[in-house]
Amino acid sequence: MEDEVKEAFDRLMSNIENKRDFLQESFSPSYKKSKLELSVYELADLAGLRIFNTNYDKFNLTKKKGQLIRAYFQGNIIEKSINELYDLYPDIFSGEPRWRIDPSLIGSHVPTYDETEIEN
């Protein structure tokens, strides 16, 4: 990961815990294990929906940093992003939806869950 992209993620990760309510109101996908938990897969979806481009100020980002985060996910397969972001921020993420990724490409340090574990 390039330094400029890591700096954008550092800033996002330092603020994302305080934005759980905003994220729940704005985006609550059916694949989440729990409404209070966060996955890299969800973060990639949020970036794809331009949440960090259009609401960058809510996450203490600049528009450019929001765009860098989106470009990072667009330029990598999700499994690479998952491994890399769990290496950098292991305490922030809580597991990845196994049926939406290729588990054979995920490191053993990444927790996963299946559809039967989703809270309603």
PDB file of N, CA and C in Angstrom:
ATOM      1  N   MET A   1       0.847  -1.169   0.000  1.00  0.00           N
ATOM      2  CA  MET A   1       0.000   0.000   0.000  1.00  0.00           C
ATOM      3  C   MET A   1       0.897   1.237   0.000  1.00  0.00           C
ATOM      4  N   GLU A   2       0.581   2.164  -0.858  1.00  0.00           N
ATOM      5  CA  GLU A   2       1.355   3.401  -0.935  1.00  0.00           C
ATOM      6  C   GLU A   2       1.157   4.231   0.334  1.00  0.00           C
ATOM      7  N   ASP A   3       2.159   5.045   0.664  1.00  0.00           N
ATOM      8  CA  ASP A   3       2.108   5.857   1.882  1.00  0.00           C
ATOM      9  C   ASP A   3       0.893   6.775   1.925  1.00  0.00           C
ATOM     10  N   GLU A   4       0.580   7.404   0.808  1.00  0.00           N
ATOM     11  CA  GLU A   4      -0.547   8.337   0.760  1.00  0.00           C
ATOM     12  C   GLU A   4      -1.878   7.614   1.011  1.00  0.00           C
ATOM     13  N   VAL A   5      -2.004   6.411   0.497  1.00  0.00           N
ATOM     14  CA  VAL A   5      -3.217   5.612   0.710  1.00  0.00           C
ATOM     15  C   VAL A   5      -3.274   5.150   2.163  1.00  0.00           C
ATOM     16  N   LYS A   6      -2.141   4.716   2.712  1.00  0.00           N
ATOM     17  CA  LYS A   6      -2.113   4.291   4.114  1.00  0.00           C
ATOM     18  C   LYS A   6      -2.483   5.450   5.027  1.00  0.00           C
ATOM     19  N   GLU A   7      -2.012   6.631   4.727  1.00  0.00           N
ATOM     20  CA  GLU A   7      -2.363   7.807   5.527  1.00  0.00           C
ATOM     21  C   GLU A   7      -3.876   8.053   5.498  1.00  0.00           C
ATOM     22  N   ALA A   8      -4.485   7.875   4.335  1.00  0.00           N
ATOM     23  CA  ALA A   8      -5.940   8.035   4.218  1.00  0.00           C
ATOM     24  C   ALA A   8      -6.654   6.987   5.070  1.00  0.00           C
ATOM     25  N   PHE A   9      -6.202   5.737   5.011  1.00  0.00           N
ATOM     26  CA  PHE A   9      -6.810   4.680   5.824  1.00  0.00           C
ATOM     27  C   PHE A   9      -6.564   4.910   7.315  1.00  0.00           C
ATOM     28  N   ASP A  10      -5.371   5.375   7.684  1.00  0.00           N
ATOM     29  CA  ASP A  10      -5.091   5.674   9.092  1.00  0.00           C
ATOM     30  C   ASP A  10      -6.099   6.689   9.627  1.00  0.00           C
ATOM     31  N   ARG A  11      -6.347   7.703   8.854  1.00  0.00           N
ATOM     32  CA  ARG A  11      -7.288   8.739   9.273  1.00  0.00           C
ATOM     33  C   ARG A  11      -8.712   8.178   9.355  1.00  0.00           C
ATOM     34  N   LEU A  12      -9.100   7.404   8.349  1.00  0.00           N
ATOM     35  CA  LEU A  12     -10.436   6.804   8.347  1.00  0.00           C
ATOM     36  C   LEU A  12     -10.610   5.865   9.536  1.00  0.00           C
ATOM     37  N   MET A  13      -9.644   4.984   9.759  1.00  0.00           N
ATOM     38  CA  MET A  13      -9.764   4.000  10.829  1.00  0.00           C
ATOM     39  C   MET A  13      -9.776   4.655  12.206  1.00  0.00           C
ATOM     40  N   SER A  14      -9.103   5.781  12.362  1.00  0.00           N
ATOM     41  CA  SER A  14      -9.100   6.456  13.663  1.00  0.00           C
ATOM     42  C   SER A  14     -10.437   7.129  13.951  1.00  0.00           C
ATOM     43  N   ASN A  15     -11.276   7.296  12.936  1.00  0.00           N
ATOM     44  CA  ASN A  15     -12.565   7.967  13.117  1.00  0.00           C
ATOM     45  C   ASN A  15     -13.775   7.069  12.916  1.00  0.00           C
ATOM     46  N   ILE A  16     -13.588   5.906  12.361  1.00  0.00           N
ATOM     47  CA  ILE A  16     -14.740   5.092  11.965  1.00  0.00           C
ATOM     48  C   ILE A  16     -15.529   4.561  13.162  1.00  0.00           C
ATOM     49  N   GLU A  17     -14.866   4.294  14.268  1.00  0.00           N
ATOM     50  CA  GLU A  17     -15.571   3.798  15.455  1.00  0.00           C
ATOM     51  C   GLU A  17     -16.641   4.783  15.914  1.00  0.00           C
ATOM     52  N   ASN A  18     -16.361   6.066  15.800  1.00  0.00           N
ATOM     53  CA  ASN A  18     -17.309   7.096  16.231  1.00  0.00           C
ATOM     54  C   ASN A  18     -18.442   7.302  15.242  1.00  0.00           C
ATOM     55  N   LYS A  19     -18.387   6.659  14.103  1.00  0.00           N
ATOM     56  CA  LYS A  19     -19.389   6.865  13.046  1.00  0.00           C
ATOM     57  C   LYS A  19     -20.273   5.648  12.822  1.00  0.00           C
ATOM     58  N   ARG A  20     -20.292   4.733  13.760  1.00  0.00           N
ATOM     59  CA  ARG A  20     -21.116   3.520  13.606  1.00  0.00           C
ATOM     60  C   ARG A  20     -22.591   3.863  13.400  1.00  0.00           C
ATOM     61  N   ASP A  21     -23.113   4.819  14.166  1.00  0.00           N
ATOM     62  CA  ASP A  21     -24.531   5.187  14.024  1.00  0.00           C
ATOM     63  C   ASP A  21     -24.817   5.726  12.631  1.00  0.00           C
ATOM     64  N   PHE A  22     -23.948   6.601  12.143  1.00  0.00           N
ATOM     65  CA  PHE A  22     -24.117   7.159  10.798  1.00  0.00           C
ATOM     66  C   PHE A  22     -24.098   6.045   9.758  1.00  0.00           C
ATOM     67  N   LEU A  23     -23.172   5.119   9.894  1.00  0.00           N
ATOM     68  CA  LEU A  23     -23.069   4.022   8.935  1.00  0.00           C
ATOM     69  C   LEU A  23     -24.293   3.116   8.997  1.00  0.00           C
ATOM     70  N   GLN A  24     -24.789   2.842  10.198  1.00  0.00           N
ATOM     71  CA  GLN A  24     -25.985   2.005  10.336  1.00  0.00           C
ATOM     72  C   GLN A  24     -27.188   2.653   9.658  1.00  0.00           C
ATOM     73  N   GLU A  25     -27.331   3.967   9.818  1.00  0.00           N
ATOM     74  CA  GLU A  25     -28.455   4.679   9.206  1.00  0.00           C
ATOM     75  C   GLU A  25     -28.308   4.751   7.695  1.00  0.00           C
ATOM     76  N   SER A  26     -27.081   4.888   7.222  1.00  0.00           N
ATOM     77  CA  SER A  26     -26.833   5.090   5.793  1.00  0.00           C
ATOM     78  C   SER A  26     -26.726   3.793   5.007  1.00  0.00           C
ATOM     79  N   PHE A  27     -26.260   2.747   5.666  1.00  0.00           N
ATOM     80  CA  PHE A  27     -25.905   1.534   4.937  1.00  0.00           C
ATOM     81  C   PHE A  27     -25.939   0.353   5.887  1.00  0.00           C
ATOM     82  N   SER A  28     -26.844  -0.553   5.682  1.00  0.00           N
ATOM     83  CA  SER A  28     -26.924  -1.742   6.529  1.00  0.00           C
ATOM     84  C   SER A  28     -27.175  -2.959   5.644  1.00  0.00           C
ATOM     85  N   PRO A  29     -26.118  -3.519   5.072  1.00  0.00           N
ATOM     86  CA  PRO A  29     -26.271  -4.635   4.139  1.00  0.00           C
ATOM     87  C   PRO A  29     -26.753  -5.917   4.813  1.00  0.00           C
ATOM     88  N   SER A  30     -27.346  -6.769   4.038  1.00  0.00           N
ATOM     89  CA  SER A  30     -27.906  -8.019   4.564  1.00  0.00           C
ATOM     90  C   SER A  30     -26.835  -9.038   4.941  1.00  0.00           C
ATOM     91  N   TYR A  31     -25.605  -8.854   4.481  1.00  0.00           N
ATOM     92  CA  TYR A  31     -24.562  -9.841   4.762  1.00  0.00           C
ATOM     93  C   TYR A  31     -23.811  -9.573   6.067  1.00  0.00           C
ATOM     94  N   LYS A  32     -24.163  -8.510   6.789  1.00  0.00           N
ATOM     95  CA  LYS A  32     -23.445  -8.203   8.028  1.00  0.00           C
ATOM     96  C   LYS A  32     -23.778  -9.214   9.112  1.00  0.00           C
ATOM     97  N   LYS A  33     -22.777  -9.662   9.815  1.00  0.00           N
ATOM     98  CA  LYS A  33     -22.971 -10.607  10.915  1.00  0.00           C
ATOM     99  C   LYS A  33     -23.771  -9.947  12.034  1.00  0.00           C
ATOM    100  N   SER A  34     -23.435  -8.711  12.338  1.00  0.00           N
ATOM    101  CA  SER A  34     -24.114  -7.943  13.372  1.00  0.00           C
ATOM    102  C   SER A  34     -24.108  -6.482  12.941  1.00  0.00           C
ATOM    103  N   LYS A  35     -25.129  -5.753  13.297  1.00  0.00           N
ATOM    104  CA  LYS A  35     -25.210  -4.344  12.897  1.00  0.00           C
ATOM    105  C   LYS A  35     -24.080  -3.512  13.475  1.00  0.00           C
ATOM    106  N   LEU A  36     -23.491  -3.966  14.564  1.00  0.00           N
ATOM    107  CA  LEU A  36     -22.444  -3.192  15.218  1.00  0.00           C
ATOM    108  C   LEU A  36     -21.042  -3.535  14.732  1.00  0.00           C
ATOM    109  N   GLU A  37     -20.915  -4.554  13.927  1.00  0.00           N
ATOM    110  CA  GLU A  37     -19.596  -4.989  13.489  1.00  0.00           C
ATOM    111  C   GLU A  37     -19.255  -4.425  12.115  1.00  0.00           C
ATOM    112  N   LEU A  38     -17.976  -4.425  11.796  1.00  0.00           N
ATOM    113  CA  LEU A  38     -17.499  -3.876  10.532  1.00  0.00           C
ATOM    114  C   LEU A  38     -16.565  -4.873   9.864  1.00  0.00           C
ATOM    115  N   SER A  39     -16.737  -5.052   8.565  1.00  0.00           N
ATOM    116  CA  SER A  39     -15.847  -5.923   7.796  1.00  0.00           C
ATOM    117  C   SER A  39     -15.163  -5.099   6.709  1.00  0.00           C
ATOM    118  N   VAL A  40     -14.063  -5.614   6.201  1.00  0.00           N
ATOM    119  CA  VAL A  40     -13.399  -4.968   5.063  1.00  0.00           C
ATOM    120  C   VAL A  40     -14.326  -5.018   3.853  1.00  0.00           C
ATOM    121  N   TYR A  41     -15.068  -6.113   3.714  1.00  0.00           N
ATOM    122  CA  TYR A  41     -16.009  -6.237   2.600  1.00  0.00           C
ATOM    123  C   TYR A  41     -17.017  -5.088   2.635  1.00  0.00           C
ATOM    124  N   GLU A  42     -17.536  -4.778   3.823  1.00  0.00           N
ATOM    125  CA  GLU A  42     -18.469  -3.657   3.960  1.00  0.00           C
ATOM    126  C   GLU A  42     -17.773  -2.335   3.655  1.00  0.00           C
ATOM    127  N   LEU A  43     -16.551  -2.175   4.129  1.00  0.00           N
ATOM    128  CA  LEU A  43     -15.799  -0.949   3.877  1.00  0.00           C
ATOM    129  C   LEU A  43     -15.616  -0.737   2.374  1.00  0.00           C
ATOM    130  N   ALA A  44     -15.350  -1.816   1.649  1.00  0.00           N
ATOM    131  CA  ALA A  44     -15.218  -1.729   0.189  1.00  0.00           C
ATOM    132  C   ALA A  44     -16.545  -1.315  -0.446  1.00  0.00           C
ATOM    133  N   ASP A  45     -17.653  -1.857   0.060  1.00  0.00           N
ATOM    134  CA  ASP A  45     -18.973  -1.445  -0.437  1.00  0.00           C
ATOM    135  C   ASP A  45     -19.216   0.036  -0.185  1.00  0.00           C
ATOM    136  N   LEU A  46     -18.878   0.490   1.010  1.00  0.00           N
ATOM    137  CA  LEU A  46     -19.056   1.907   1.347  1.00  0.00           C
ATOM    138  C   LEU A  46     -18.233   2.793   0.417  1.00  0.00           C
ATOM    139  N   ALA A  47     -17.003   2.376   0.149  1.00  0.00           N
ATOM    140  CA  ALA A  47     -16.154   3.136  -0.773  1.00  0.00           C
ATOM    141  C   ALA A  47     -16.754   3.141  -2.170  1.00  0.00           C
ATOM    142  N   GLY A  48     -17.277   2.001  -2.605  1.00  0.00           N
ATOM    143  CA  GLY A  48     -17.903   1.906  -3.921  1.00  0.00           C
ATOM    144  C   GLY A  48     -19.141   2.773  -4.045  1.00  0.00           C
ATOM    145  N   LEU A  49     -19.835   2.968  -2.941  1.00  0.00           N
ATOM    146  CA  LEU A  49     -21.016   3.839  -2.933  1.00  0.00           C
ATOM    147  C   LEU A  49     -20.645   5.311  -2.747  1.00  0.00           C
ATOM    148  N   ARG A  50     -19.362   5.574  -2.721  1.00  0.00           N
ATOM    149  CA  ARG A  50     -18.822   6.929  -2.592  1.00  0.00           C
ATOM    150  C   ARG A  50     -19.143   7.597  -1.253  1.00  0.00           C
ATOM    151  N   ILE A  51     -19.382   6.785  -0.227  1.00  0.00           N
ATOM    152  CA  ILE A  51     -19.660   7.337   1.103  1.00  0.00           C
ATOM    153  C   ILE A  51     -18.487   8.194   1.573  1.00  0.00           C
ATOM    154  N   PHE A  52     -17.261   7.767   1.296  1.00  0.00           N
ATOM    155  CA  PHE A  52     -16.092   8.507   1.765  1.00  0.00           C
ATOM    156  C   PHE A  52     -15.744   9.679   0.852  1.00  0.00           C
ATOM    157  N   ASN A  53     -16.296   9.708  -0.349  1.00  0.00           N
ATOM    158  CA  ASN A  53     -16.110  10.847  -1.251  1.00  0.00           C
ATOM    159  C   ASN A  53     -17.099  11.960  -0.928  1.00  0.00           C
ATOM    160  N   THR A  54     -18.354  11.575  -0.679  1.00  0.00           N
ATOM    161  CA  THR A  54     -19.402  12.572  -0.482  1.00  0.00           C
ATOM    162  C   THR A  54     -19.569  12.985   0.975  1.00  0.00           C
ATOM    163  N   ASN A  55     -19.195  12.129   1.895  1.00  0.00           N
ATOM    164  CA  ASN A  55     -19.296  12.435   3.329  1.00  0.00           C
ATOM    165  C   ASN A  55     -17.921  12.449   3.983  1.00  0.00           C
ATOM    166  N   TYR A  56     -16.914  12.839   3.234  1.00  0.00           N
ATOM    167  CA  TYR A  56     -15.534  12.786   3.712  1.00  0.00           C
ATOM    168  C   TYR A  56     -15.333  13.547   5.014  1.00  0.00           C
ATOM    169  N   ASP A  57     -16.036  14.665   5.172  1.00  0.00           N
ATOM    170  CA  ASP A  57     -15.867  15.472   6.381  1.00  0.00           C
ATOM    171  C   ASP A  57     -16.340  14.737   7.639  1.00  0.00           C
ATOM    172  N   LYS A  58     -17.316  13.858   7.511  1.00  0.00           N
ATOM    173  CA  LYS A  58     -17.799  13.084   8.667  1.00  0.00           C
ATOM    174  C   LYS A  58     -16.731  12.120   9.184  1.00  0.00           C
ATOM    175  N   PHE A  59     -15.793  11.760   8.339  1.00  0.00           N
ATOM    176  CA  PHE A  59     -14.740  10.811   8.704  1.00  0.00           C
ATOM    177  C   PHE A  59     -13.384  11.491   8.849  1.00  0.00           C
ATOM    178  N   ASN A  60     -13.392  12.819   8.941  1.00  0.00           N
ATOM    179  CA  ASN A  60     -12.164  13.601   9.079  1.00  0.00           C
ATOM    180  C   ASN A  60     -11.200  13.353   7.910  1.00  0.00           C
ATOM    181  N   LEU A  61     -11.779  13.212   6.718  1.00  0.00           N
ATOM    182  CA  LEU A  61     -10.998  13.015   5.499  1.00  0.00           C
ATOM    183  C   LEU A  61     -11.112  14.254   4.620  1.00  0.00           C
ATOM    184  N   THR A  62     -10.212  14.368   3.674  1.00  0.00           N
ATOM    185  CA  THR A  62     -10.394  15.327   2.591  1.00  0.00           C
ATOM    186  C   THR A  62     -11.063  14.568   1.451  1.00  0.00           C
ATOM    187  N   LYS A  63     -11.570  15.295   0.497  1.00  0.00           N
ATOM    188  CA  LYS A  63     -12.191  14.624  -0.649  1.00  0.00           C
ATOM    189  C   LYS A  63     -11.167  13.732  -1.359  1.00  0.00           C
ATOM    190  N   LYS A  64      -9.934  14.232  -1.468  1.00  0.00           N
ATOM    191  CA  LYS A  64      -8.880  13.456  -2.133  1.00  0.00           C
ATOM    192  C   LYS A  64      -8.607  12.146  -1.389  1.00  0.00           C
ATOM    193  N   LYS A  65      -8.566  12.200  -0.059  1.00  0.00           N
ATOM    194  CA  LYS A  65      -8.323  10.977   0.714  1.00  0.00           C
ATOM    195  C   LYS A  65      -9.480   9.995   0.536  1.00  0.00           C
ATOM    196  N   GLY A  66     -10.705  10.504   0.481  1.00  0.00           N
ATOM    197  CA  GLY A  66     -11.857   9.647   0.212  1.00  0.00           C
ATOM    198  C   GLY A  66     -11.744   8.977  -1.145  1.00  0.00           C
ATOM    199  N   GLN A  67     -11.261   9.722  -2.127  1.00  0.00           N
ATOM    200  CA  GLN A  67     -11.081   9.170  -3.471  1.00  0.00           C
ATOM    201  C   GLN A  67      -9.958   8.137  -3.498  1.00  0.00           C
ATOM    202  N   LEU A  68      -8.913   8.357  -2.714  1.00  0.00           N
ATOM    203  CA  LEU A  68      -7.811   7.389  -2.638  1.00  0.00           C
ATOM    204  C   LEU A  68      -8.290   6.055  -2.066  1.00  0.00           C
ATOM    205  N   ILE A  69      -9.153   6.124  -1.066  1.00  0.00           N
ATOM    206  CA  ILE A  69      -9.693   4.897  -0.469  1.00  0.00           C
ATOM    207  C   ILE A  69     -10.526   4.141  -1.497  1.00  0.00           C
ATOM    208  N   ARG A  70     -11.365   4.857  -2.217  1.00  0.00           N
ATOM    209  CA  ARG A  70     -12.192   4.218  -3.247  1.00  0.00           C
ATOM    210  C   ARG A  70     -11.313   3.597  -4.340  1.00  0.00           C
ATOM    211  N   ALA A  71     -10.301   4.334  -4.782  1.00  0.00           N
ATOM    212  CA  ALA A  71      -9.397   3.842  -5.825  1.00  0.00           C
ATOM    213  C   ALA A  71      -8.626   2.605  -5.351  1.00  0.00           C
ATOM    214  N   TYR A  72      -8.270   2.569  -4.073  1.00  0.00           N
ATOM    215  CA  TYR A  72      -7.574   1.403  -3.521  1.00  0.00           C
ATOM    216  C   TYR A  72      -8.418   0.142  -3.702  1.00  0.00           C
ATOM    217  N   PHE A  73      -9.689   0.220  -3.334  1.00  0.00           N
ATOM    218  CA  PHE A  73     -10.553  -0.956  -3.465  1.00  0.00           C
ATOM    219  C   PHE A  73     -10.808  -1.305  -4.927  1.00  0.00           C
ATOM    220  N   GLN A  74     -10.921  -0.307  -5.776  1.00  0.00           N
ATOM    221  CA  GLN A  74     -11.145  -0.577  -7.201  1.00  0.00           C
ATOM    222  C   GLN A  74      -9.935  -1.231  -7.850  1.00  0.00           C
ATOM    223  N   GLY A  75      -8.760  -0.946  -7.335  1.00  0.00           N
ATOM    224  CA  GLY A  75      -7.532  -1.442  -7.941  1.00  0.00           C
ATOM    225  C   GLY A  75      -7.036  -2.774  -7.408  1.00  0.00           C
ATOM    226  N   ASN A  76      -7.753  -3.366  -6.458  1.00  0.00           N
ATOM    227  CA  ASN A  76      -7.327  -4.626  -5.846  1.00  0.00           C
ATOM    228  C   ASN A  76      -8.486  -5.612  -5.802  1.00  0.00           C
ATOM    229  N   ILE A  77      -8.162  -6.899  -5.823  1.00  0.00           N
ATOM    230  CA  ILE A  77      -9.220  -7.875  -5.557  1.00  0.00           C
ATOM    231  C   ILE A  77      -9.525  -7.788  -4.059  1.00  0.00           C
ATOM    232  N   ILE A  78     -10.753  -8.095  -3.695  1.00  0.00           N
ATOM    233  CA  ILE A  78     -11.184  -7.911  -2.307  1.00  0.00           C
ATOM    234  C   ILE A  78     -10.350  -8.730  -1.329  1.00  0.00           C
ATOM    235  N   GLU A  79      -9.948  -9.909  -1.712  1.00  0.00           N
ATOM    236  CA  GLU A  79      -9.167 -10.753  -0.807  1.00  0.00           C
ATOM    237  C   GLU A  79      -7.817 -10.116  -0.468  1.00  0.00           C
ATOM    238  N   LYS A  80      -7.186  -9.467  -1.427  1.00  0.00           N
ATOM    239  CA  LYS A  80      -5.920  -8.768  -1.157  1.00  0.00           C
ATOM    240  C   LYS A  80      -6.156  -7.631  -0.173  1.00  0.00           C
ATOM    241  N   SER A  81      -7.230  -6.880  -0.389  1.00  0.00           N
ATOM    242  CA  SER A  81      -7.560  -5.774   0.513  1.00  0.00           C
ATOM    243  C   SER A  81      -7.852  -6.285   1.919  1.00  0.00           C
ATOM    244  N   ILE A  82      -8.588  -7.379   2.006  1.00  0.00           N
ATOM    245  CA  ILE A  82      -8.915  -7.956   3.316  1.00  0.00           C
ATOM    246  C   ILE A  82      -7.641  -8.327   4.063  1.00  0.00           C
ATOM    247  N   ASN A  83      -6.752  -9.069   3.420  1.00  0.00           N
ATOM    248  CA  ASN A  83      -5.503  -9.476   4.073  1.00  0.00           C
ATOM    249  C   ASN A  83      -4.684  -8.269   4.507  1.00  0.00           C
ATOM    250  N   GLU A  84      -4.556  -7.302   3.629  1.00  0.00           N
ATOM    251  CA  GLU A  84      -3.733  -6.132   3.919  1.00  0.00           C
ATOM    252  C   GLU A  84      -4.318  -5.292   5.056  1.00  0.00           C
ATOM    253  N   LEU A  85      -5.619  -5.076   5.029  1.00  0.00           N
ATOM    254  CA  LEU A  85      -6.222  -4.232   6.060  1.00  0.00           C
ATOM    255  C   LEU A  85      -6.300  -4.937   7.411  1.00  0.00           C
ATOM    256  N   TYR A  86      -6.451  -6.259   7.440  1.00  0.00           N
ATOM    257  CA  TYR A  86      -6.383  -6.981   8.716  1.00  0.00           C
ATOM    258  C   TYR A  86      -4.962  -6.951   9.269  1.00  0.00           C
ATOM    259  N   ASP A  87      -3.954  -6.954   8.407  1.00  0.00           N
ATOM    260  CA  ASP A  87      -2.574  -6.820   8.874  1.00  0.00           C
ATOM    261  C   ASP A  87      -2.363  -5.468   9.550  1.00  0.00           C
ATOM    262  N   LEU A  88      -2.929  -4.417   8.959  1.00  0.00           N
ATOM    263  CA  LEU A  88      -2.725  -3.058   9.460  1.00  0.00           C
ATOM    264  C   LEU A  88      -3.633  -2.694  10.633  1.00  0.00           C
ATOM    265  N   TYR A  89      -4.871  -3.169  10.613  1.00  0.00           N
ATOM    266  CA  TYR A  89      -5.870  -2.758  11.613  1.00  0.00           C
ATOM    267  C   TYR A  89      -6.615  -3.978  12.171  1.00  0.00           C
ATOM    268  N   PRO A  90      -5.939  -4.890  12.828  1.00  0.00           N
ATOM    269  CA  PRO A  90      -6.582  -6.140  13.248  1.00  0.00           C
ATOM    270  C   PRO A  90      -7.698  -5.971  14.273  1.00  0.00           C
ATOM    271  N   ASP A  91      -7.681  -4.906  15.039  1.00  0.00           N
ATOM    272  CA  ASP A  91      -8.677  -4.733  16.098  1.00  0.00           C
ATOM    273  C   ASP A  91      -9.955  -4.039  15.644  1.00  0.00           C
ATOM    274  N   ILE A  92      -9.989  -3.548  14.429  1.00  0.00           N
ATOM    275  CA  ILE A  92     -11.158  -2.791  13.965  1.00  0.00           C
ATOM    276  C   ILE A  92     -12.188  -3.691  13.304  1.00  0.00           C
ATOM    277  N   PHE A  93     -11.739  -4.670  12.562  1.00  0.00           N
ATOM    278  CA  PHE A  93     -12.657  -5.511  11.790  1.00  0.00           C
ATOM    279  C   PHE A  93     -13.041  -6.768  12.567  1.00  0.00           C
ATOM    280  N   SER A  94     -14.239  -7.275  12.284  1.00  0.00           N
ATOM    281  CA  SER A  94     -14.771  -8.361  13.103  1.00  0.00           C
ATOM    282  C   SER A  94     -15.071  -9.645  12.341  1.00  0.00           C
ATOM    283  N   GLY A  95     -14.719  -9.721  11.084  1.00  0.00           N
ATOM    284  CA  GLY A  95     -14.959 -10.942  10.321  1.00  0.00           C
ATOM    285  C   GLY A  95     -15.498 -10.634   8.936  1.00  0.00           C
ATOM    286  N   GLU A  96     -15.271 -11.561   8.027  1.00  0.00           N
ATOM    287  CA  GLU A  96     -15.658 -11.370   6.631  1.00  0.00           C
ATOM    288  C   GLU A  96     -16.679 -12.421   6.208  1.00  0.00           C
ATOM    289  N   PRO A  97     -17.639 -12.037   5.361  1.00  0.00           N
ATOM    290  CA  PRO A  97     -18.663 -12.984   4.897  1.00  0.00           C
ATOM    291  C   PRO A  97     -18.053 -14.024   3.949  1.00  0.00           C
ATOM    292  N   ARG A  98     -17.918 -15.244   4.429  1.00  0.00           N
ATOM    293  CA  ARG A  98     -17.220 -16.316   3.707  1.00  0.00           C
ATOM    294  C   ARG A  98     -17.798 -16.574   2.316  1.00  0.00           C
ATOM    295  N   TRP A  99     -19.105 -16.475   2.152  1.00  0.00           N
ATOM    296  CA  TRP A  99     -19.746 -16.802   0.877  1.00  0.00           C
ATOM    297  C   TRP A  99     -19.602 -15.685  -0.161  1.00  0.00           C
ATOM    298  N   ARG A 100     -19.021 -14.552   0.194  1.00  0.00           N
ATOM    299  CA  ARG A 100     -18.835 -13.456  -0.752  1.00  0.00           C
ATOM    300  C   ARG A 100     -17.378 -13.286  -1.178  1.00  0.00           C
ATOM    301  N   ILE A 101     -16.510 -14.114  -0.621  1.00  0.00           N
ATOM    302  CA  ILE A 101     -15.083 -14.024  -0.923  1.00  0.00           C
ATOM    303  C   ILE A 101     -14.556 -15.418  -1.250  1.00  0.00           C
ATOM    304  N   ASP A 102     -13.313 -15.486  -1.691  1.00  0.00           N
ATOM    305  CA  ASP A 102     -12.659 -16.776  -1.917  1.00  0.00           C
ATOM    306  C   ASP A 102     -11.832 -17.090  -0.670  1.00  0.00           C
ATOM    307  N   PRO A 103     -12.346 -17.943   0.224  1.00  0.00           N
ATOM    308  CA  PRO A 103     -11.632 -18.231   1.474  1.00  0.00           C
ATOM    309  C   PRO A 103     -10.217 -18.768   1.273  1.00  0.00           C
ATOM    310  N   SER A 104      -9.949 -19.384   0.132  1.00  0.00           N
ATOM    311  CA  SER A 104      -8.607 -19.921  -0.102  1.00  0.00           C
ATOM    312  C   SER A 104      -7.568 -18.811  -0.283  1.00  0.00           C
ATOM    313  N   LEU A 105      -8.021 -17.586  -0.527  1.00  0.00           N
ATOM    314  CA  LEU A 105      -7.105 -16.455  -0.699  1.00  0.00           C
ATOM    315  C   LEU A 105      -6.968 -15.602   0.558  1.00  0.00           C
ATOM    316  N   ILE A 106      -7.655 -15.998   1.624  1.00  0.00           N
ATOM    317  CA  ILE A 106      -7.663 -15.230   2.865  1.00  0.00           C
ATOM    318  C   ILE A 106      -6.680 -15.841   3.852  1.00  0.00           C
ATOM    319  N   GLY A 107      -5.905 -14.976   4.514  1.00  0.00           N
ATOM    320  CA  GLY A 107      -4.951 -15.455   5.507  1.00  0.00           C
ATOM    321  C   GLY A 107      -5.635 -16.040   6.729  1.00  0.00           C
ATOM    322  N   SER A 108      -4.911 -16.871   7.453  1.00  0.00           N
ATOM    323  CA  SER A 108      -5.478 -17.524   8.637  1.00  0.00           C
ATOM    324  C   SER A 108      -5.755 -16.532   9.766  1.00  0.00           C
ATOM    325  N   HIS A 109      -5.196 -15.332   9.672  1.00  0.00           N
ATOM    326  CA  HIS A 109      -5.411 -14.305  10.694  1.00  0.00           C
ATOM    327  C   HIS A 109      -6.737 -13.561  10.511  1.00  0.00           C
ATOM    328  N   VAL A 110      -7.476 -13.868   9.449  1.00  0.00           N
ATOM    329  CA  VAL A 110      -8.731 -13.175   9.146  1.00  0.00           C
ATOM    330  C   VAL A 110      -9.910 -14.054   9.553  1.00  0.00           C
ATOM    331  N   PRO A 111     -10.730 -13.593  10.513  1.00  0.00           N
ATOM    332  CA  PRO A 111     -11.925 -14.366  10.864  1.00  0.00           C
ATOM    333  C   PRO A 111     -12.985 -14.257   9.770  1.00  0.00           C
ATOM    334  N   THR A 112     -13.721 -15.338   9.558  1.00  0.00           N
ATOM    335  CA  THR A 112     -14.810 -15.333   8.580  1.00  0.00           C
ATOM    336  C   THR A 112     -16.056 -15.911   9.238  1.00  0.00           C
ATOM    337  N   TYR A 113     -17.195 -15.701   8.601  1.00  0.00           N
ATOM    338  CA  TYR A 113     -18.452 -16.256   9.101  1.00  0.00           C
ATOM    339  C   TYR A 113     -19.309 -16.655   7.921  1.00  0.00           C
ATOM    340  N   ASP A 114     -20.297 -17.520   8.180  1.00  0.00           N
ATOM    341  CA  ASP A 114     -21.201 -17.914   7.101  1.00  0.00           C
ATOM    342  C   ASP A 114     -22.604 -17.371   7.371  1.00  0.00           C
ATOM    343  N   GLU A 115     -23.506 -17.620   6.445  1.00  0.00           N
ATOM    344  CA  GLU A 115     -24.847 -17.033   6.497  1.00  0.00           C
ATOM    345  C   GLU A 115     -25.640 -17.437   7.735  1.00  0.00           C
ATOM    346  N   THR A 116     -25.348 -18.595   8.297  1.00  0.00           N
ATOM    347  CA  THR A 116     -26.102 -19.046   9.474  1.00  0.00           C
ATOM    348  C   THR A 116     -25.760 -18.252  10.732  1.00  0.00           C
ATOM    349  N   GLU A 117     -24.670 -17.504  10.698  1.00  0.00           N
ATOM    350  CA  GLU A 117     -24.240 -16.732  11.864  1.00  0.00           C
ATOM    351  C   GLU A 117     -24.756 -15.298  11.870  1.00  0.00           C
ATOM    352  N   ILE A 118     -25.546 -14.913  10.888  1.00  0.00           N
ATOM    353  CA  ILE A 118     -26.046 -13.538  10.800  1.00  0.00           C
ATOM    354  C   ILE A 118     -27.175 -13.330  11.803  1.00  0.00           C
ATOM    355  N   GLU A 119     -27.057 -12.254  12.583  1.00  0.00           N
ATOM    356  CA  GLU A 119     -28.110 -11.892  13.534  1.00  0.00           C
ATOM    357  C   GLU A 119     -29.229 -11.180  12.793  1.00  0.00           C
ATOM    358  N   ASN A 120     -30.449 -11.480  13.130  1.00  0.00           N
ATOM    359  CA  ASN A 120     -31.593 -10.796  12.500  1.00  0.00           C
ATOM    360  C   ASN A 120     -32.058  -9.620  13.307  1.00  0.00           C
TER     361      ASN A 120
END
